[in-house]
Amino acid sequence: MDFRIGHGYDVHALGEGLRLVLGGVEIPHEKGCIAHSDGDVLVHAICDALLGALALGDIGKHFPDTSAEFKGIDSLILLRRVVALIEERGYKVGNVDSTIAMQRPKLRPHIDLMRERIANAAGVAVEQVSVKATTTEHLGFEGEEKGVSATAVVLLVKS
């Protein structure tokens, strides 16, 4: 096949006094993700989408949360490793479209930098990376500020 499509989803609970990292950007907030790594749900969803496009499993298979090697790791490092796996198989990232669901804080001021950091880690132009943010109108765990979720769809093209 000349192209492959992948979908990814990730979710993390929020806890008081932890760092909130989304798209490789630390965002000031009183809550952050409870996680083994830096908890970057956006980058994790993108990694899962990339892996899924080539039926390579999920992020937990490649970077288990039982491994001390990945404790607190910057998720952009994981993204670079996933992109290397994709490239080893003769594909490159065509584009990424992603959405973060979180009630607050407002993420719009941080989205351009998220796009830059993701694009840099994936080795693509910023124009190939879309990051959107939405609230859930106070519904569900995101709306109740108990957690954050992210989805991503990617297109891989044969290089």
C-alpha atoms as a PDB file:
ATOM      1  CA  MET A   1       0.000   0.000   0.000  1.00  0.00           C
ATOM      2  CA  ASP A   2       1.166   3.507  -0.747  1.00  0.00           C
ATOM      3  CA  PHE A   3      -0.523   4.979   2.321  1.00  0.00           C
ATOM      4  CA  ARG A   4      -1.783   3.885   5.733  1.00  0.00           C
ATOM      5  CA  ILE A   5      -4.175   5.566   8.182  1.00  0.00           C
ATOM      6  CA  GLY A   6      -3.971   5.237  11.960  1.00  0.00           C
ATOM      7  CA  HIS A   7      -6.102   6.368  14.883  1.00  0.00           C
ATOM      8  CA  GLY A   8      -4.964   6.896  18.471  1.00  0.00           C
ATOM      9  CA  TYR A   9      -6.636   7.713  21.770  1.00  0.00           C
ATOM     10  CA  ASP A  10      -5.219   8.339  25.224  1.00  0.00           C
ATOM     11  CA  VAL A  11      -6.563   9.477  28.566  1.00  0.00           C
ATOM     12  CA  HIS A  12      -5.024  10.383  31.908  1.00  0.00           C
ATOM     13  CA  ALA A  13      -6.497  11.316  35.240  1.00  0.00           C
ATOM     14  CA  LEU A  14      -5.588  14.718  36.623  1.00  0.00           C
ATOM     15  CA  GLY A  15      -4.005  15.243  40.033  1.00  0.00           C
ATOM     16  CA  GLU A  16      -3.251  18.317  42.115  1.00  0.00           C
ATOM     17  CA  GLY A  17       0.270  19.746  42.017  1.00  0.00           C
ATOM     18  CA  LEU A  18       1.517  17.754  39.016  1.00  0.00           C
ATOM     19  CA  ARG A  19       2.986  19.092  35.755  1.00  0.00           C
ATOM     20  CA  LEU A  20       0.578  19.452  32.832  1.00  0.00           C
ATOM     21  CA  VAL A  21       2.408  18.641  29.600  1.00  0.00           C
ATOM     22  CA  LEU A  22       0.477  18.605  26.318  1.00  0.00           C
ATOM     23  CA  GLY A  23       2.070  18.439  22.896  1.00  0.00           C
ATOM     24  CA  GLY A  24       5.501  18.800  24.473  1.00  0.00           C
ATOM     25  CA  VAL A  25       4.532  22.080  26.150  1.00  0.00           C
ATOM     26  CA  GLU A  26       4.350  22.558  29.910  1.00  0.00           C
ATOM     27  CA  ILE A  27       1.162  24.489  30.626  1.00  0.00           C
ATOM     28  CA  PRO A  28       0.629  26.377  33.878  1.00  0.00           C
ATOM     29  CA  HIS A  29      -2.262  24.754  35.768  1.00  0.00           C
ATOM     30  CA  GLU A  30      -2.985  23.545  39.281  1.00  0.00           C
ATOM     31  CA  LYS A  31      -3.480  19.987  38.013  1.00  0.00           C
ATOM     32  CA  GLY A  32      -1.374  17.707  35.866  1.00  0.00           C
ATOM     33  CA  CYS A  33      -1.528  14.180  34.487  1.00  0.00           C
ATOM     34  CA  ILE A  34      -1.072  11.177  36.729  1.00  0.00           C
ATOM     35  CA  ALA A  35       1.268   9.007  34.670  1.00  0.00           C
ATOM     36  CA  HIS A  36       4.447   6.929  34.526  1.00  0.00           C
ATOM     37  CA  SER A  37       5.947   9.182  31.814  1.00  0.00           C
ATOM     38  CA  ASP A  38       5.345  12.933  31.576  1.00  0.00           C
ATOM     39  CA  GLY A  39       1.679  12.070  30.884  1.00  0.00           C
ATOM     40  CA  ASP A  40       1.448  13.886  27.564  1.00  0.00           C
ATOM     41  CA  VAL A  41      -1.870  12.445  26.344  1.00  0.00           C
ATOM     42  CA  LEU A  42      -1.642  14.300  23.032  1.00  0.00           C
ATOM     43  CA  VAL A  43       1.732  12.857  22.075  1.00  0.00           C
ATOM     44  CA  HIS A  44       0.671   9.421  23.343  1.00  0.00           C
ATOM     45  CA  ALA A  45      -2.416   9.483  21.100  1.00  0.00           C
ATOM     46  CA  ILE A  46      -0.236  10.475  18.136  1.00  0.00           C
ATOM     47  CA  CYS A  47       2.219   7.656  18.897  1.00  0.00           C
ATOM     48  CA  ASP A  48      -0.640   5.152  19.053  1.00  0.00           C
ATOM     49  CA  ALA A  49      -2.017   6.430  15.738  1.00  0.00           C
ATOM     50  CA  LEU A  50       1.386   6.065  14.067  1.00  0.00           C
ATOM     51  CA  LEU A  51       1.914   2.576  15.463  1.00  0.00           C
ATOM     52  CA  GLY A  52      -1.623   1.540  14.599  1.00  0.00           C
ATOM     53  CA  ALA A  53      -1.272   2.638  10.983  1.00  0.00           C
ATOM     54  CA  LEU A  54       1.324  -0.089  10.488  1.00  0.00           C
ATOM     55  CA  ALA A  55      -0.263  -2.580  12.916  1.00  0.00           C
ATOM     56  CA  LEU A  56       2.717  -2.332  15.277  1.00  0.00           C
ATOM     57  CA  GLY A  57       0.716  -2.458  18.493  1.00  0.00           C
ATOM     58  CA  ASP A  58       0.392   0.426  20.909  1.00  0.00           C
ATOM     59  CA  ILE A  59       2.600   2.705  22.967  1.00  0.00           C
ATOM     60  CA  GLY A  60       2.393   0.392  25.990  1.00  0.00           C
ATOM     61  CA  LYS A  61       3.864  -2.480  23.979  1.00  0.00           C
ATOM     62  CA  HIS A  62       6.907  -0.437  22.952  1.00  0.00           C
ATOM     63  CA  PHE A  63       7.330   1.694  26.097  1.00  0.00           C
ATOM     64  CA  PRO A  64       5.791  -0.211  29.037  1.00  0.00           C
ATOM     65  CA  ASP A  65       4.848   1.705  32.170  1.00  0.00           C
ATOM     66  CA  THR A  66       6.498  -1.062  34.179  1.00  0.00           C
ATOM     67  CA  SER A  67       9.946  -0.055  32.892  1.00  0.00           C
ATOM     68  CA  ALA A  68      12.113   2.297  34.932  1.00  0.00           C
ATOM     69  CA  GLU A  69      13.647   3.461  31.615  1.00  0.00           C
ATOM     70  CA  PHE A  70      10.446   5.360  30.805  1.00  0.00           C
ATOM     71  CA  LYS A  71       9.724   6.818  34.265  1.00  0.00           C
ATOM     72  CA  GLY A  72       9.134  10.559  33.779  1.00  0.00           C
ATOM     73  CA  ILE A  73      10.365  10.437  30.159  1.00  0.00           C
ATOM     74  CA  ASP A  74       9.626  13.313  27.807  1.00  0.00           C
ATOM     75  CA  SER A  75       6.979  11.925  25.453  1.00  0.00           C
ATOM     76  CA  LEU A  76       8.545  13.734  22.492  1.00  0.00           C
ATOM     77  CA  ILE A  77      11.445  11.277  22.844  1.00  0.00           C
ATOM     78  CA  LEU A  78       8.923   8.454  22.493  1.00  0.00           C
ATOM     79  CA  LEU A  79       7.453  10.154  19.414  1.00  0.00           C
ATOM     80  CA  ARG A  80      10.913  10.361  17.821  1.00  0.00           C
ATOM     81  CA  ARG A  81      11.415   6.636  18.461  1.00  0.00           C
ATOM     82  CA  VAL A  82       8.021   5.781  16.976  1.00  0.00           C
ATOM     83  CA  VAL A  83       8.741   7.866  13.869  1.00  0.00           C
ATOM     84  CA  ALA A  84      12.052   5.996  13.498  1.00  0.00           C
ATOM     85  CA  LEU A  85      10.119   2.678  13.568  1.00  0.00           C
ATOM     86  CA  ILE A  86       7.782   4.014  10.876  1.00  0.00           C
ATOM     87  CA  GLU A  87      10.681   5.162   8.716  1.00  0.00           C
ATOM     88  CA  GLU A  88      12.478   1.798   9.124  1.00  0.00           C
ATOM     89  CA  ARG A  89       9.432   0.238   7.463  1.00  0.00           C
ATOM     90  CA  GLY A  90       9.562   2.605   4.493  1.00  0.00           C
ATOM     91  CA  TYR A  91       6.897   5.126   5.499  1.00  0.00           C
ATOM     92  CA  LYS A  92       6.887   8.781   6.456  1.00  0.00           C
ATOM     93  CA  VAL A  93       4.330  10.958   8.195  1.00  0.00           C
ATOM     94  CA  GLY A  94       1.965  12.623   5.735  1.00  0.00           C
ATOM     95  CA  ASN A  95      -0.068  14.529   8.300  1.00  0.00           C
ATOM     96  CA  VAL A  96      -1.399  14.452  11.856  1.00  0.00           C
ATOM     97  CA  ASP A  97      -4.827  15.686  12.961  1.00  0.00           C
ATOM     98  CA  SER A  98      -5.423  15.697  16.712  1.00  0.00           C
ATOM     99  CA  THR A  99      -7.841  16.939  19.355  1.00  0.00           C
ATOM    100  CA  ILE A 100      -7.435  17.461  23.106  1.00  0.00           C
ATOM    101  CA  ALA A 101     -10.556  17.370  25.311  1.00  0.00           C
ATOM    102  CA  MET A 102     -10.136  19.313  28.552  1.00  0.00           C
ATOM    103  CA  GLN A 103     -12.381  21.759  30.367  1.00  0.00           C
ATOM    104  CA  ARG A 104      -9.597  24.079  31.454  1.00  0.00           C
ATOM    105  CA  PRO A 105      -7.172  25.728  31.171  1.00  0.00           C
ATOM    106  CA  LYS A 106      -7.744  27.340  27.812  1.00  0.00           C
ATOM    107  CA  LEU A 107      -5.275  25.741  25.436  1.00  0.00           C
ATOM    108  CA  ARG A 108      -5.506  28.087  22.423  1.00  0.00           C
ATOM    109  CA  PRO A 109      -2.498  30.175  23.576  1.00  0.00           C
ATOM    110  CA  HIS A 110      -0.315  27.044  23.561  1.00  0.00           C
ATOM    111  CA  ILE A 111      -1.414  25.290  20.374  1.00  0.00           C
ATOM    112  CA  ASP A 112       1.064  26.891  17.958  1.00  0.00           C
ATOM    113  CA  LEU A 113       4.000  25.837  20.149  1.00  0.00           C
ATOM    114  CA  MET A 114       2.518  22.319  20.498  1.00  0.00           C
ATOM    115  CA  ARG A 115       2.340  22.050  16.715  1.00  0.00           C
ATOM    116  CA  GLU A 116       5.969  23.185  16.398  1.00  0.00           C
ATOM    117  CA  ARG A 117       7.244  20.711  18.981  1.00  0.00           C
ATOM    118  CA  ILE A 118       5.288  17.787  17.554  1.00  0.00           C
ATOM    119  CA  ALA A 119       6.373  18.629  13.999  1.00  0.00           C
ATOM    120  CA  ASN A 120      10.001  18.893  15.081  1.00  0.00           C
ATOM    121  CA  ALA A 121       9.889  15.517  16.864  1.00  0.00           C
ATOM    122  CA  ALA A 122       8.119  13.871  13.901  1.00  0.00           C
ATOM    123  CA  GLY A 123      10.481  15.415  11.348  1.00  0.00           C
ATOM    124  CA  VAL A 124       7.720  17.154   9.393  1.00  0.00           C
ATOM    125  CA  ALA A 125       6.628  20.719   8.627  1.00  0.00           C
ATOM    126  CA  VAL A 126       4.322  22.500  11.065  1.00  0.00           C
ATOM    127  CA  GLU A 127       1.708  22.647   8.286  1.00  0.00           C
ATOM    128  CA  GLN A 128       1.451  18.852   8.508  1.00  0.00           C
ATOM    129  CA  VAL A 129       0.379  18.924  12.165  1.00  0.00           C
ATOM    130  CA  SER A 130      -3.061  19.986  13.338  1.00  0.00           C
ATOM    131  CA  VAL A 131      -3.838  20.368  17.037  1.00  0.00           C
ATOM    132  CA  LYS A 132      -7.311  21.334  18.171  1.00  0.00           C
ATOM    133  CA  ALA A 133      -8.744  21.718  21.655  1.00  0.00           C
ATOM    134  CA  THR A 134     -12.268  21.419  22.923  1.00  0.00           C
ATOM    135  CA  THR A 135     -14.133  21.422  26.196  1.00  0.00           C
ATOM    136  CA  THR A 136     -16.878  18.933  26.907  1.00  0.00           C
ATOM    137  CA  GLU A 137     -19.305  21.579  28.194  1.00  0.00           C
ATOM    138  CA  HIS A 138     -18.742  20.357  31.773  1.00  0.00           C
ATOM    139  CA  LEU A 139     -19.822  16.810  30.819  1.00  0.00           C
ATOM    140  CA  GLY A 140     -17.918  13.603  31.561  1.00  0.00           C
ATOM    141  CA  PHE A 141     -14.565  13.230  33.300  1.00  0.00           C
ATOM    142  CA  GLU A 142     -12.974  15.951  31.132  1.00  0.00           C
ATOM    143  CA  GLY A 143     -15.772  18.409  31.886  1.00  0.00           C
ATOM    144  CA  GLU A 144     -15.615  17.607  35.590  1.00  0.00           C
ATOM    145  CA  GLU A 145     -11.847  18.288  35.431  1.00  0.00           C
ATOM    146  CA  LYS A 146     -11.006  14.768  36.579  1.00  0.00           C
ATOM    147  CA  GLY A 147      -9.020  13.957  33.451  1.00  0.00           C
ATOM    148  CA  VAL A 148      -7.930  14.840  29.947  1.00  0.00           C
ATOM    149  CA  SER A 149      -8.191  12.874  26.708  1.00  0.00           C
ATOM    150  CA  ALA A 150      -6.766  13.196  23.231  1.00  0.00           C
ATOM    151  CA  THR A 151      -7.426  11.610  19.855  1.00  0.00           C
ATOM    152  CA  ALA A 152      -5.257  11.589  16.760  1.00  0.00           C
ATOM    153  CA  VAL A 153      -5.529  10.464  13.165  1.00  0.00           C
ATOM    154  CA  VAL A 154      -2.439  10.131  10.995  1.00  0.00           C
ATOM    155  CA  LEU A 155      -1.713   9.481   7.370  1.00  0.00           C
ATOM    156  CA  LEU A 156       1.483   7.628   6.516  1.00  0.00           C
ATOM    157  CA  VAL A 157       2.810   7.602   2.966  1.00  0.00           C
ATOM    158  CA  LYS A 158       5.269   5.183   1.404  1.00  0.00           C
ATOM    159  CA  SER A 159       8.631   6.927   1.146  1.00  0.00           C
END
